[in-house]
Amino acid sequence: MSARTRDRSDVVVLSPPDVLDLQSREAFKKKVRESIQRETPKVLVDLSGVQFADSEGLTALLSLARMVHEKGGEVRFCSPSPAVERLFRITRLYFVFETYASREEALESL
């Protein structure tokens, strides 16, 4: 599975696959690399469709954030599904990722 993308003006919107794990992470990371070709990308990751993520999936999200930051860009996460919200709470990734309840809020912050 690969991530779906949609470029909205200067913001690339990514929607990871519904299962973000060892098997899907490489395809997701490849799609991220293809999507952030511009010099200083602005990326919004919509997590509403992610029903399951394991440690490899979380690593893929961390890699995404690192790739964007290395290019001098910004990344925001929005609409975490209950499963992702629970993982972010357990792993304390809410302290690492800028996460918003809705897509609109996240877009306004970019």
Protein backbone atom coordinates (compact mmCIF):
# COMPACT_ATOMS: atom_id res chain seq x y z
CA MET A 1 0.00 0.00 0.00
CA SER A 2 1.17 3.46 -0.71
CA ALA A 3 0.10 6.75 0.76
CA ARG A 4 -2.35 8.93 -1.08
CA THR A 5 -1.20 12.47 -1.72
CA ARG A 6 -2.84 15.71 -2.67
CA ASP A 7 -0.95 18.94 -3.23
CA ARG A 8 -2.99 21.89 -1.95
CA SER A 9 -1.30 25.12 -3.06
CA ASP A 10 1.98 25.06 -1.15
CA VAL A 11 1.07 22.21 1.23
CA VAL A 12 1.48 18.53 0.42
CA VAL A 13 -1.25 16.50 2.14
CA LEU A 14 -0.35 12.86 2.83
CA SER A 15 -2.73 10.15 3.99
CA PRO A 16 -0.82 7.08 5.18
CA PRO A 17 -2.27 3.63 4.48
CA ASP A 18 -4.83 2.25 6.93
CA VAL A 19 -2.20 -0.18 8.24
CA LEU A 20 1.15 1.44 8.88
CA ASP A 21 3.57 -1.35 9.74
CA LEU A 22 6.71 -3.13 8.57
CA GLN A 23 5.12 -4.18 5.28
CA SER A 24 3.74 -0.75 4.35
CA ARG A 25 6.41 1.57 5.74
CA GLU A 26 8.84 1.43 2.80
CA ALA A 27 6.12 2.24 0.27
CA PHE A 28 4.97 5.10 2.50
CA LYS A 29 8.50 6.47 2.91
CA LYS A 30 9.04 6.25 -0.87
CA LYS A 31 5.85 8.24 -1.45
CA VAL A 32 7.01 10.82 1.09
CA ARG A 33 10.36 11.22 -0.67
CA GLU A 34 8.57 11.69 -4.01
CA SER A 35 6.16 14.20 -2.50
CA ILE A 36 8.68 16.51 -0.84
CA GLN A 37 10.88 17.37 -3.79
CA ARG A 38 10.53 21.12 -3.29
CA GLU A 39 13.20 22.93 -1.37
CA THR A 40 11.23 23.82 1.78
CA PRO A 41 8.21 21.56 1.85
CA LYS A 42 5.13 22.06 3.96
CA VAL A 43 3.57 18.71 4.75
CA LEU A 44 0.31 17.80 6.43
CA VAL A 45 -0.17 14.15 7.42
CA ASP A 46 -3.84 13.22 7.82
CA LEU A 47 -3.94 10.27 10.23
CA SER A 48 -7.72 9.78 10.24
CA GLY A 49 -7.57 6.63 8.11
CA VAL A 50 -4.81 4.84 10.01
CA GLN A 51 -6.48 2.00 11.87
CA PHE A 52 -3.31 0.25 12.98
CA ALA A 53 0.31 1.31 13.43
CA ASP A 54 3.12 -0.57 15.07
CA SER A 55 6.63 0.53 16.01
CA GLU A 56 7.72 0.35 12.37
CA GLY A 57 4.83 2.61 11.41
CA LEU A 58 5.79 5.10 14.10
CA THR A 59 9.37 4.95 12.84
CA ALA A 60 8.09 5.81 9.36
CA LEU A 61 6.33 8.90 10.76
CA LEU A 62 9.52 9.93 12.58
CA SER A 63 11.49 9.44 9.34
CA LEU A 64 8.98 11.58 7.47
CA ALA A 65 9.37 14.38 10.00
CA ARG A 66 13.16 14.12 9.82
CA MET A 67 13.16 14.21 5.98
CA VAL A 68 10.97 17.32 5.94
CA HIS A 69 12.99 19.10 8.64
CA GLU A 70 16.27 18.31 6.86
CA LYS A 71 14.90 20.16 3.81
CA GLY A 72 14.01 23.12 6.02
CA GLY A 73 10.30 22.38 5.81
CA GLU A 74 7.47 22.04 8.27
CA VAL A 75 5.27 19.05 9.06
CA ARG A 76 1.98 18.84 10.92
CA PHE A 77 -0.19 15.85 11.81
CA CYS A 78 -3.96 15.98 12.04
CA SER A 79 -7.06 13.96 12.83
CA PRO A 80 -5.41 11.01 14.54
CA SER A 81 -7.62 7.95 14.63
CA PRO A 82 -8.28 6.51 18.10
CA ALA A 83 -5.57 3.88 17.52
CA VAL A 84 -2.98 6.49 16.56
CA GLU A 85 -4.04 8.82 19.34
CA ARG A 86 -3.50 6.01 21.86
CA LEU A 87 -0.05 5.25 20.42
CA PHE A 88 0.97 8.92 20.47
CA ARG A 89 -0.12 9.13 24.11
CA ILE A 90 1.72 5.93 25.13
CA THR A 91 4.92 6.85 23.26
CA ARG A 92 4.67 10.56 24.14
CA LEU A 93 4.96 11.51 20.47
CA TYR A 94 2.52 14.34 21.17
CA PHE A 95 5.59 16.10 22.56
CA VAL A 96 7.49 15.50 19.30
CA PHE A 97 4.83 16.00 16.62
CA GLU A 98 2.65 19.07 16.15
CA THR A 99 -0.75 17.38 16.11
CA TYR A 100 -4.12 19.00 15.49
CA ALA A 101 -7.65 17.70 15.91
CA SER A 102 -8.74 18.77 12.42
CA ARG A 103 -7.23 19.28 8.98
CA GLU A 104 -8.37 22.89 8.95
CA GLU A 105 -6.54 23.70 12.19
CA ALA A 106 -3.37 22.05 10.92
CA LEU A 107 -3.52 23.88 7.58
CA GLU A 108 -3.94 27.21 9.36
CA SER A 109 -0.76 26.51 11.33
CA LEU A 110 1.35 26.03 8.18
